């Protein structure tokens, strides 16, 4: 597993506004995309559109960031022993579902 932590100057501008109220968000696209992403990890690869688990802790605990700001954690599976820096891959997947975001 690889993790990326984000310190944001505001909430994530999700394409679907209902997602803004969810403390945990699974980003994967279609069922086929999620399956392909997880199968790739089992085969020792990481795809451009991985299955990413995100956590918006400020939804339940506003003390996790200063007023108006937000933190976001993102995890993805990687092959055992991977040295991948997941930042760009995770950022691209976040921007897919929050196209107006400036997460990096």
PDB file of N, CA and C in Angstrom:
ATOM      1  N   UNK A   1       0.845  -1.162   0.000  1.00  0.00           N
ATOM      2  CA  UNK A   1       0.000   0.000   0.000  1.00  0.00           C
ATOM      3  C   UNK A   1       0.897   1.233   0.000  1.00  0.00           C
ATOM      4  N   UNK A   2       0.475   2.278  -0.700  1.00  0.00           N
ATOM      5  CA  UNK A   2       1.184   3.554  -0.724  1.00  0.00           C
ATOM      6  C   UNK A   2       0.192   4.644  -0.335  1.00  0.00           C
ATOM      7  N   UNK A   3       0.696   5.673   0.303  1.00  0.00           N
ATOM      8  CA  UNK A   3      -0.178   6.736   0.823  1.00  0.00           C
ATOM      9  C   UNK A   3       0.339   8.096   0.393  1.00  0.00           C
ATOM     10  N   UNK A   4      -0.604   8.991   0.117  1.00  0.00           N
ATOM     11  CA  UNK A   4      -0.285  10.391  -0.162  1.00  0.00           C
ATOM     12  C   UNK A   4      -1.149  11.240   0.769  1.00  0.00           C
ATOM     13  N   UNK A   5      -0.538  12.204   1.433  1.00  0.00           N
ATOM     14  CA  UNK A   5      -1.248  13.135   2.310  1.00  0.00           C
ATOM     15  C   UNK A   5      -1.325  14.494   1.619  1.00  0.00           C
ATOM     16  N   UNK A   6      -2.500  15.107   1.669  1.00  0.00           N
ATOM     17  CA  UNK A   6      -2.694  16.423   1.078  1.00  0.00           C
ATOM     18  C   UNK A   6      -3.151  17.403   2.152  1.00  0.00           C
ATOM     19  N   UNK A   7      -2.600  18.597   2.131  1.00  0.00           N
ATOM     20  CA  UNK A   7      -3.072  19.720   2.941  1.00  0.00           C
ATOM     21  C   UNK A   7      -3.693  20.697   1.952  1.00  0.00           C
ATOM     22  N   UNK A   8      -4.992  20.886   2.037  1.00  0.00           N
ATOM     23  CA  UNK A   8      -5.732  21.658   1.045  1.00  0.00           C
ATOM     24  C   UNK A   8      -6.195  22.991   1.609  1.00  0.00           C
ATOM     25  N   UNK A   9      -6.342  23.973   0.724  1.00  0.00           N
ATOM     26  CA  UNK A   9      -6.807  25.277   1.187  1.00  0.00           C
ATOM     27  C   UNK A   9      -8.324  25.366   1.235  1.00  0.00           C
ATOM     28  N   UNK A  10      -8.997  24.254   1.031  1.00  0.00           N
ATOM     29  CA  UNK A  10     -10.452  24.195   1.114  1.00  0.00           C
ATOM     30  C   UNK A  10     -10.924  22.792   0.805  1.00  0.00           C
ATOM     31  N   UNK A  11     -12.218  22.577   0.782  1.00  0.00           N
ATOM     32  CA  UNK A  11     -12.748  21.250   0.493  1.00  0.00           C
ATOM     33  C   UNK A  11     -12.440  20.827  -0.942  1.00  0.00           C
ATOM     34  N   UNK A  12     -12.393  19.538  -1.156  1.00  0.00           N
ATOM     35  CA  UNK A  12     -12.203  18.997  -2.501  1.00  0.00           C
ATOM     36  C   UNK A  12     -13.454  19.319  -3.323  1.00  0.00           C
ATOM     37  N   UNK A  13     -13.300  19.888  -4.512  1.00  0.00           N
ATOM     38  CA  UNK A  13     -14.463  20.229  -5.340  1.00  0.00           C
ATOM     39  C   UNK A  13     -14.922  19.028  -6.174  1.00  0.00           C
ATOM     40  N   UNK A  14     -15.486  18.040  -5.515  1.00  0.00           N
ATOM     41  CA  UNK A  14     -15.914  16.819  -6.191  1.00  0.00           C
ATOM     42  C   UNK A  14     -16.900  17.128  -7.314  1.00  0.00           C
ATOM     43  N   UNK A  15     -16.797  16.401  -8.398  1.00  0.00           N
ATOM     44  CA  UNK A  15     -17.733  16.552  -9.519  1.00  0.00           C
ATOM     45  C   UNK A  15     -19.158  16.256  -9.057  1.00  0.00           C
ATOM     46  N   UNK A  16     -19.305  15.284  -8.168  1.00  0.00           N
ATOM     47  CA  UNK A  16     -20.598  14.971  -7.569  1.00  0.00           C
ATOM     48  C   UNK A  16     -20.611  15.623  -6.180  1.00  0.00           C
ATOM     49  N   UNK A  17     -21.370  16.689  -5.983  1.00  0.00           N
ATOM     50  CA  UNK A  17     -21.329  17.409  -4.708  1.00  0.00           C
ATOM     51  C   UNK A  17     -21.722  16.569  -3.493  1.00  0.00           C
ATOM     52  N   UNK A  18     -22.464  15.484  -3.684  1.00  0.00           N
ATOM     53  CA  UNK A  18     -22.830  14.621  -2.558  1.00  0.00           C
ATOM     54  C   UNK A  18     -21.604  13.983  -1.910  1.00  0.00           C
ATOM     55  N   UNK A  19     -20.550  13.823  -2.680  1.00  0.00           N
ATOM     56  CA  UNK A  19     -19.329  13.180  -2.174  1.00  0.00           C
ATOM     57  C   UNK A  19     -18.655  14.055  -1.113  1.00  0.00           C
ATOM     58  N   UNK A  20     -18.905  15.348  -1.147  1.00  0.00           N
ATOM     59  CA  UNK A  20     -18.292  16.259  -0.184  1.00  0.00           C
ATOM     60  C   UNK A  20     -18.667  15.930   1.259  1.00  0.00           C
ATOM     61  N   UNK A  21     -19.776  15.240   1.461  1.00  0.00           N
ATOM     62  CA  UNK A  21     -20.223  14.883   2.810  1.00  0.00           C
ATOM     63  C   UNK A  21     -19.739  13.510   3.258  1.00  0.00           C
ATOM     64  N   UNK A  22     -19.000  12.810   2.416  1.00  0.00           N
ATOM     65  CA  UNK A  22     -18.544  11.450   2.733  1.00  0.00           C
ATOM     66  C   UNK A  22     -17.151  11.481   3.345  1.00  0.00           C
ATOM     67  N   UNK A  23     -16.980  10.929   4.545  1.00  0.00           N
ATOM     68  CA  UNK A  23     -15.647  10.910   5.134  1.00  0.00           C
ATOM     69  C   UNK A  23     -14.683   9.970   4.398  1.00  0.00           C
ATOM     70  N   UNK A  24     -15.208   8.928   3.776  1.00  0.00           N
ATOM     71  CA  UNK A  24     -14.384   7.984   3.017  1.00  0.00           C
ATOM     72  C   UNK A  24     -14.935   7.903   1.602  1.00  0.00           C
ATOM     73  N   UNK A  25     -14.047   8.021   0.626  1.00  0.00           N
ATOM     74  CA  UNK A  25     -14.458   7.998  -0.774  1.00  0.00           C
ATOM     75  C   UNK A  25     -13.579   6.999  -1.520  1.00  0.00           C
ATOM     76  N   UNK A  26     -14.212   6.103  -2.257  1.00  0.00           N
ATOM     77  CA  UNK A  26     -13.500   5.121  -3.070  1.00  0.00           C
ATOM     78  C   UNK A  26     -13.510   5.613  -4.510  1.00  0.00           C
ATOM     79  N   UNK A  27     -12.337   5.810  -5.090  1.00  0.00           N
ATOM     80  CA  UNK A  27     -12.210   6.292  -6.464  1.00  0.00           C
ATOM     81  C   UNK A  27     -11.715   5.148  -7.346  1.00  0.00           C
ATOM     82  N   UNK A  28     -12.539   4.771  -8.284  1.00  0.00           N
ATOM     83  CA  UNK A  28     -12.112   3.675  -9.144  1.00  0.00           C
ATOM     84  C   UNK A  28     -12.752   3.672 -10.499  1.00  0.00           C
ATOM     85  N   UNK A  29     -13.799   4.430 -10.670  1.00  0.00           N
ATOM     86  CA  UNK A  29     -14.494   4.418 -11.952  1.00  0.00           C
ATOM     87  C   UNK A  29     -15.438   3.251 -12.045  1.00  0.00           C
ATOM     88  N   UNK A  30     -15.417   2.590 -13.177  1.00  0.00           N
ATOM     89  CA  UNK A  30     -16.321   1.465 -13.395  1.00  0.00           C
ATOM     90  C   UNK A  30     -15.827   0.227 -12.664  1.00  0.00           C
ATOM     91  N   UNK A  31     -16.704  -0.735 -12.540  1.00  0.00           N
ATOM     92  CA  UNK A  31     -16.320  -2.019 -11.939  1.00  0.00           C
ATOM     93  C   UNK A  31     -15.152  -2.635 -12.707  1.00  0.00           C
ATOM     94  N   UNK A  32     -15.191  -2.536 -14.036  1.00  0.00           N
ATOM     95  CA  UNK A  32     -14.112  -3.090 -14.867  1.00  0.00           C
ATOM     96  C   UNK A  32     -12.788  -2.375 -14.602  1.00  0.00           C
ATOM     97  N   UNK A  33     -12.827  -1.055 -14.407  1.00  0.00           N
ATOM     98  CA  UNK A  33     -11.599  -0.310 -14.113  1.00  0.00           C
ATOM     99  C   UNK A  33     -11.011  -0.717 -12.765  1.00  0.00           C
ATOM    100  N   UNK A  34     -11.885  -0.877 -11.777  1.00  0.00           N
ATOM    101  CA  UNK A  34     -11.417  -1.292 -10.454  1.00  0.00           C
ATOM    102  C   UNK A  34     -10.802  -2.680 -10.524  1.00  0.00           C
ATOM    103  N   UNK A  35     -11.479  -3.588 -11.212  1.00  0.00           N
ATOM    104  CA  UNK A  35     -10.962  -4.952 -11.355  1.00  0.00           C
ATOM    105  C   UNK A  35      -9.614  -4.948 -12.069  1.00  0.00           C
ATOM    106  N   UNK A  36      -9.497  -4.180 -13.140  1.00  0.00           N
ATOM    107  CA  UNK A  36      -8.238  -4.120 -13.880  1.00  0.00           C
ATOM    108  C   UNK A  36      -7.115  -3.543 -13.014  1.00  0.00           C
ATOM    109  N   UNK A  37      -7.436  -2.517 -12.234  1.00  0.00           N
ATOM    110  CA  UNK A  37      -6.427  -1.901 -11.377  1.00  0.00           C
ATOM    111  C   UNK A  37      -5.928  -2.871 -10.315  1.00  0.00           C
ATOM    112  N   UNK A  38      -6.832  -3.576  -9.682  1.00  0.00           N
ATOM    113  CA  UNK A  38      -6.436  -4.522  -8.630  1.00  0.00           C
ATOM    114  C   UNK A  38      -5.727  -5.744  -9.218  1.00  0.00           C
ATOM    115  N   UNK A  39      -6.165  -6.204 -10.390  1.00  0.00           N
ATOM    116  CA  UNK A  39      -5.475  -7.325 -11.053  1.00  0.00           C
ATOM    117  C   UNK A  39      -4.065  -6.931 -11.458  1.00  0.00           C
ATOM    118  N   UNK A  40      -3.881  -5.694 -11.883  1.00  0.00           N
ATOM    119  CA  UNK A  40      -2.551  -5.221 -12.261  1.00  0.00           C
ATOM    120  C   UNK A  40      -1.591  -5.284 -11.074  1.00  0.00           C
ATOM    121  N   UNK A  41      -2.060  -4.884  -9.904  1.00  0.00           N
ATOM    122  CA  UNK A  41      -1.220  -4.943  -8.707  1.00  0.00           C
ATOM    123  C   UNK A  41      -0.811  -6.389  -8.425  1.00  0.00           C
ATOM    124  N   UNK A  42      -1.756  -7.308  -8.555  1.00  0.00           N
ATOM    125  CA  UNK A  42      -1.450  -8.727  -8.336  1.00  0.00           C
ATOM    126  C   UNK A  42      -0.414  -9.226  -9.339  1.00  0.00           C
ATOM    127  N   UNK A  43      -0.370  -8.595 -10.521  1.00  0.00           N
ATOM    128  CA  UNK A  43       0.601  -8.963 -11.559  1.00  0.00           C
ATOM    129  C   UNK A  43       1.898  -8.151 -11.460  1.00  0.00           C
ATOM    130  N   UNK A  44       2.008  -7.301 -10.421  1.00  0.00           N
ATOM    131  CA  UNK A  44       3.229  -6.539 -10.211  1.00  0.00           C
ATOM    132  C   UNK A  44       3.274  -5.190 -10.898  1.00  0.00           C
ATOM    133  N   UNK A  45       2.116  -4.668 -11.299  1.00  0.00           N
ATOM    134  CA  UNK A  45       2.060  -3.391 -12.001  1.00  0.00           C
ATOM    135  C   UNK A  45       1.099  -2.437 -11.299  1.00  0.00           C
ATOM    136  N   UNK A  46       1.226  -1.151 -11.619  1.00  0.00           N
ATOM    137  CA  UNK A  46       0.268  -0.137 -11.186  1.00  0.00           C
ATOM    138  C   UNK A  46      -0.229   0.559 -12.447  1.00  0.00           C
ATOM    139  N   UNK A  47      -1.532   0.677 -12.588  1.00  0.00           N
ATOM    140  CA  UNK A  47      -2.120   1.306 -13.775  1.00  0.00           C
ATOM    141  C   UNK A  47      -2.233   2.817 -13.589  1.00  0.00           C
ATOM    142  N   UNK A  48      -2.472   3.527 -14.676  1.00  0.00           N
ATOM    143  CA  UNK A  48      -2.616   4.984 -14.619  1.00  0.00           C
ATOM    144  C   UNK A  48      -3.845   5.417 -13.833  1.00  0.00           C
ATOM    145  N   UNK A  49      -4.881   4.568 -13.825  1.00  0.00           N
ATOM    146  CA  UNK A  49      -6.105   4.874 -13.087  1.00  0.00           C
ATOM    147  C   UNK A  49      -6.312   3.821 -11.998  1.00  0.00           C
ATOM    148  N   UNK A  50      -5.575   3.945 -10.903  1.00  0.00           N
ATOM    149  CA  UNK A  50      -5.675   2.946  -9.846  1.00  0.00           C
ATOM    150  C   UNK A  50      -6.947   3.102  -9.017  1.00  0.00           C
ATOM    151  N   UNK A  51      -7.237   2.072  -8.261  1.00  0.00           N
ATOM    152  CA  UNK A  51      -8.322   2.116  -7.276  1.00  0.00           C
ATOM    153  C   UNK A  51      -7.759   2.833  -6.060  1.00  0.00           C
ATOM    154  N   UNK A  52      -8.315   3.985  -5.707  1.00  0.00           N
ATOM    155  CA  UNK A  52      -7.782   4.825  -4.640  1.00  0.00           C
ATOM    156  C   UNK A  52      -8.837   4.999  -3.547  1.00  0.00           C
ATOM    157  N   UNK A  53      -8.428   4.790  -2.328  1.00  0.00           N
ATOM    158  CA  UNK A  53      -9.275   5.033  -1.166  1.00  0.00           C
ATOM    159  C   UNK A  53      -8.862   6.375  -0.589  1.00  0.00           C
ATOM    160  N   UNK A  54      -9.813   7.305  -0.465  1.00  0.00           N
ATOM    161  CA  UNK A  54      -9.499   8.608   0.113  1.00  0.00           C
ATOM    162  C   UNK A  54     -10.268   8.805   1.410  1.00  0.00           C
ATOM    163  N   UNK A  55      -9.683   9.596   2.284  1.00  0.00           N
ATOM    164  CA  UNK A  55     -10.305   9.909   3.568  1.00  0.00           C
ATOM    165  C   UNK A  55     -10.288  11.425   3.734  1.00  0.00           C
ATOM    166  N   UNK A  56     -11.453  11.974   4.039  1.00  0.00           N
ATOM    167  CA  UNK A  56     -11.614  13.395   4.339  1.00  0.00           C
ATOM    168  C   UNK A  56     -11.937  13.507   5.826  1.00  0.00           C
ATOM    169  N   UNK A  57     -10.933  13.441   6.700  1.00  0.00           N
ATOM    170  CA  UNK A  57     -11.214  13.366   8.137  1.00  0.00           C
ATOM    171  C   UNK A  57     -11.934  14.585   8.691  1.00  0.00           C
ATOM    172  N   UNK A  58     -11.781  15.737   8.067  1.00  0.00           N
ATOM    173  CA  UNK A  58     -12.436  16.945   8.561  1.00  0.00           C
ATOM    174  C   UNK A  58     -13.948  16.901   8.473  1.00  0.00           C
ATOM    175  N   UNK A  59     -14.482  15.977   7.692  1.00  0.00           N
ATOM    176  CA  UNK A  59     -15.935  15.833   7.601  1.00  0.00           C
ATOM    177  C   UNK A  59     -16.505  15.482   8.973  1.00  0.00           C
ATOM    178  N   UNK A  60     -15.803  14.627   9.699  1.00  0.00           N
ATOM    179  CA  UNK A  60     -16.261  14.204  11.029  1.00  0.00           C
ATOM    180  C   UNK A  60     -15.546  14.910  12.166  1.00  0.00           C
ATOM    181  N   UNK A  61     -14.344  15.425  11.895  1.00  0.00           N
ATOM    182  CA  UNK A  61     -13.544  16.055  12.944  1.00  0.00           C
ATOM    183  C   UNK A  61     -12.908  17.331  12.404  1.00  0.00           C
ATOM    184  N   UNK A  62     -13.603  18.457  12.541  1.00  0.00           N
ATOM    185  CA  UNK A  62     -13.091  19.715  11.993  1.00  0.00           C
ATOM    186  C   UNK A  62     -11.736  20.137  12.563  1.00  0.00           C
ATOM    187  N   UNK A  63     -11.312  19.559  13.678  1.00  0.00           N
ATOM    188  CA  UNK A  63     -10.022  19.936  14.262  1.00  0.00           C
ATOM    189  C   UNK A  63      -8.840  19.390  13.460  1.00  0.00           C
ATOM    190  N   UNK A  64      -9.103  18.610  12.419  1.00  0.00           N
ATOM    191  CA  UNK A  64      -8.027  18.019  11.608  1.00  0.00           C
ATOM    192  C   UNK A  64      -7.332  19.020  10.694  1.00  0.00           C
ATOM    193  N   UNK A  65      -7.892  20.225  10.545  1.00  0.00           N
ATOM    194  CA  UNK A  65      -7.286  21.257   9.700  1.00  0.00           C
ATOM    195  C   UNK A  65      -7.747  22.626  10.205  1.00  0.00           C
ATOM    196  N   UNK A  66      -6.978  23.667   9.898  1.00  0.00           N
ATOM    197  CA  UNK A  66      -7.408  25.025  10.285  1.00  0.00           C
ATOM    198  C   UNK A  66      -8.732  25.383   9.616  1.00  0.00           C
ATOM    199  N   UNK A  67      -9.433  26.355  10.166  1.00  0.00           N
ATOM    200  CA  UNK A  67     -10.711  26.801   9.597  1.00  0.00           C
ATOM    201  C   UNK A  67     -10.574  27.078   8.102  1.00  0.00           C
ATOM    202  N   UNK A  68     -11.493  26.539   7.326  1.00  0.00           N
ATOM    203  CA  UNK A  68     -11.502  26.744   5.890  1.00  0.00           C
ATOM    204  C   UNK A  68     -10.623  25.797   5.101  1.00  0.00           C
ATOM    205  N   UNK A  69      -9.709  25.128   5.751  1.00  0.00           N
ATOM    206  CA  UNK A  69      -8.795  24.202   5.090  1.00  0.00           C
ATOM    207  C   UNK A  69      -9.287  22.767   5.272  1.00  0.00           C
ATOM    208  N   UNK A  70      -8.635  21.853   4.617  1.00  0.00           N
ATOM    209  CA  UNK A  70      -9.002  20.441   4.753  1.00  0.00           C
ATOM    210  C   UNK A  70      -7.771  19.572   4.517  1.00  0.00           C
ATOM    211  N   UNK A  71      -7.765  18.431   5.159  1.00  0.00           N
ATOM    212  CA  UNK A  71      -6.746  17.431   4.869  1.00  0.00           C
ATOM    213  C   UNK A  71      -7.411  16.290   4.109  1.00  0.00           C
ATOM    214  N   UNK A  72      -6.629  15.598   3.323  1.00  0.00           N
ATOM    215  CA  UNK A  72      -7.113  14.462   2.556  1.00  0.00           C
ATOM    216  C   UNK A  72      -6.004  13.431   2.543  1.00  0.00           C
ATOM    217  N   UNK A  73      -6.343  12.198   2.848  1.00  0.00           N
ATOM    218  CA  UNK A  73      -5.398  11.081   2.749  1.00  0.00           C
ATOM    219  C   UNK A  73      -5.842  10.215   1.594  1.00  0.00           C
ATOM    220  N   UNK A  74      -4.905   9.681   0.871  1.00  0.00           N
ATOM    221  CA  UNK A  74      -5.241   8.795  -0.248  1.00  0.00           C
ATOM    222  C   UNK A  74      -4.314   7.586  -0.226  1.00  0.00           C
ATOM    223  N   UNK A  75      -4.909   6.397  -0.368  1.00  0.00           N
ATOM    224  CA  UNK A  75      -4.167   5.145  -0.370  1.00  0.00           C
ATOM    225  C   UNK A  75      -4.439   4.405  -1.664  1.00  0.00           C
ATOM    226  N   UNK A  76      -3.446   3.691  -2.154  1.00  0.00           N
ATOM    227  CA  UNK A  76      -3.664   2.770  -3.255  1.00  0.00           C
ATOM    228  C   UNK A  76      -2.809   1.542  -3.029  1.00  0.00           C
ATOM    229  N   UNK A  77      -3.245   0.442  -3.608  1.00  0.00           N
ATOM    230  CA  UNK A  77      -2.454  -0.783  -3.536  1.00  0.00           C
ATOM    231  C   UNK A  77      -1.325  -0.700  -4.545  1.00  0.00           C
ATOM    232  N   UNK A  78      -0.167  -1.198  -4.152  1.00  0.00           N
ATOM    233  CA  UNK A  78       0.986  -1.303  -5.041  1.00  0.00           C
ATOM    234  C   UNK A  78       1.574  -2.698  -4.860  1.00  0.00           C
ATOM    235  N   UNK A  79       2.344  -3.157  -5.833  1.00  0.00           N
ATOM    236  CA  UNK A  79       2.968  -4.470  -5.687  1.00  0.00           C
ATOM    237  C   UNK A  79       3.915  -4.506  -4.487  1.00  0.00           C
ATOM    238  N   UNK A  80       4.054  -5.658  -3.902  1.00  0.00           N
ATOM    239  CA  UNK A  80       4.955  -5.847  -2.772  1.00  0.00           C
ATOM    240  C   UNK A  80       6.361  -5.376  -3.142  1.00  0.00           C
ATOM    241  N   UNK A  81       6.960  -4.589  -2.266  1.00  0.00           N
ATOM    242  CA  UNK A  81       8.312  -4.102  -2.493  1.00  0.00           C
ATOM    243  C   UNK A  81       8.399  -2.902  -3.425  1.00  0.00           C
ATOM    244  N   UNK A  82       7.268  -2.361  -3.823  1.00  0.00           N
ATOM    245  CA  UNK A  82       7.251  -1.236  -4.755  1.00  0.00           C
ATOM    246  C   UNK A  82       7.935  -0.016  -4.162  1.00  0.00           C
ATOM    247  N   UNK A  83       8.650   0.723  -5.004  1.00  0.00           N
ATOM    248  CA  UNK A  83       9.265   1.987  -4.604  1.00  0.00           C
ATOM    249  C   UNK A  83       8.594   3.163  -5.320  1.00  0.00           C
ATOM    250  N   UNK A  84       7.432   2.918  -5.889  1.00  0.00           N
ATOM    251  CA  UNK A  84       6.684   3.937  -6.613  1.00  0.00           C
ATOM    252  C   UNK A  84       6.383   5.133  -5.727  1.00  0.00           C
ATOM    253  N   UNK A  85       6.623   6.326  -6.240  1.00  0.00           N
ATOM    254  CA  UNK A  85       6.125   7.550  -5.600  1.00  0.00           C
ATOM    255  C   UNK A  85       4.728   7.749  -6.184  1.00  0.00           C
ATOM    256  N   UNK A  86       3.674   7.546  -5.392  1.00  0.00           N
ATOM    257  CA  UNK A  86       2.322   7.562  -5.926  1.00  0.00           C
ATOM    258  C   UNK A  86       1.712   8.942  -6.109  1.00  0.00           C
ATOM    259  N   UNK A  87       2.444   9.988  -5.812  1.00  0.00           N
ATOM    260  CA  UNK A  87       1.853  11.329  -5.779  1.00  0.00           C
ATOM    261  C   UNK A  87       1.178  11.713  -7.094  1.00  0.00           C
ATOM    262  N   UNK A  88       1.862  11.594  -8.204  1.00  0.00           N
ATOM    263  CA  UNK A  88       1.289  12.008  -9.494  1.00  0.00           C
ATOM    264  C   UNK A  88       0.119  11.122  -9.898  1.00  0.00           C
ATOM    265  N   UNK A  89       0.247   9.821  -9.676  1.00  0.00           N
ATOM    266  CA  UNK A  89      -0.822   8.880 -10.041  1.00  0.00           C
ATOM    267  C   UNK A  89      -2.081   9.159  -9.232  1.00  0.00           C
ATOM    268  N   UNK A  90      -1.916   9.353  -7.937  1.00  0.00           N
ATOM    269  CA  UNK A  90      -3.069   9.632  -7.068  1.00  0.00           C
ATOM    270  C   UNK A  90      -3.670  10.993  -7.401  1.00  0.00           C
ATOM    271  N   UNK A  91      -2.834  11.993  -7.637  1.00  0.00           N
ATOM    272  CA  UNK A  91      -3.331  13.321  -7.976  1.00  0.00           C
ATOM    273  C   UNK A  91      -4.155  13.278  -9.259  1.00  0.00           C
ATOM    274  N   UNK A  92      -3.680  12.559 -10.247  1.00  0.00           N
ATOM    275  CA  UNK A  92      -4.427  12.443 -11.511  1.00  0.00           C
ATOM    276  C   UNK A  92      -5.777  11.769 -11.293  1.00  0.00           C
ATOM    277  N   UNK A  93      -5.809  10.740 -10.452  1.00  0.00           N
ATOM    278  CA  UNK A  93      -7.077  10.055 -10.195  1.00  0.00           C
ATOM    279  C   UNK A  93      -8.030  10.964  -9.414  1.00  0.00           C
ATOM    280  N   UNK A  94      -7.515  11.731  -8.466  1.00  0.00           N
ATOM    281  CA  UNK A  94      -8.349  12.698  -7.742  1.00  0.00           C
ATOM    282  C   UNK A  94      -8.912  13.741  -8.698  1.00  0.00           C
ATOM    283  N   UNK A  95      -8.075  14.248  -9.568  1.00  0.00           N
ATOM    284  CA  UNK A  95      -8.527  15.277 -10.501  1.00  0.00           C
ATOM    285  C   UNK A  95      -9.542  14.730 -11.503  1.00  0.00           C
ATOM    286  N   UNK A  96      -9.537  13.454 -11.707  1.00  0.00           N
ATOM    287  CA  UNK A  96     -10.542  12.834 -12.573  1.00  0.00           C
ATOM    288  C   UNK A  96     -11.943  12.986 -11.972  1.00  0.00           C
ATOM    289  N   UNK A  97     -12.035  12.872 -10.649  1.00  0.00           N
ATOM    290  CA  UNK A  97     -13.327  12.938  -9.966  1.00  0.00           C
ATOM    291  C   UNK A  97     -13.589  14.300  -9.332  1.00  0.00           C
ATOM    292  N   UNK A  98     -12.585  15.133  -9.280  1.00  0.00           N
ATOM    293  CA  UNK A  98     -12.708  16.509  -8.782  1.00  0.00           C
ATOM    294  C   UNK A  98     -11.944  17.403  -9.750  1.00  0.00           C
ATOM    295  N   UNK A  99     -12.469  17.610 -10.946  1.00  0.00           N
ATOM    296  CA  UNK A  99     -11.709  18.259 -12.009  1.00  0.00           C
ATOM    297  C   UNK A  99     -11.233  19.674 -11.708  1.00  0.00           C
ATOM    298  N   UNK A 100     -11.856  20.353 -10.799  1.00  0.00           N
ATOM    299  CA  UNK A 100     -11.433  21.721 -10.483  1.00  0.00           C
ATOM    300  C   UNK A 100     -10.441  21.764  -9.332  1.00  0.00           C
ATOM    301  N   UNK A 101      -9.998  20.585  -8.860  1.00  0.00           N
ATOM    302  CA  UNK A 101      -9.154  20.577  -7.667  1.00  0.00           C
ATOM    303  C   UNK A 101      -7.734  21.019  -7.972  1.00  0.00           C
ATOM    304  N   UNK A 102      -7.127  21.565  -6.963  1.00  0.00           N
ATOM    305  CA  UNK A 102      -5.704  21.896  -6.988  1.00  0.00           C
ATOM    306  C   UNK A 102      -5.112  21.198  -5.786  1.00  0.00           C
ATOM    307  N   UNK A 103      -4.973  19.856  -5.882  1.00  0.00           N
ATOM    308  CA  UNK A 103      -4.626  19.043  -4.712  1.00  0.00           C
ATOM    309  C   UNK A 103      -3.140  18.962  -4.450  1.00  0.00           C
ATOM    310  N   UNK A 104      -2.323  19.293  -5.395  1.00  0.00           N
ATOM    311  CA  UNK A 104      -0.886  19.087  -5.185  1.00  0.00           C
ATOM    312  C   UNK A 104      -0.234  20.312  -4.589  1.00  0.00           C
TER     313      UNK A 104
END
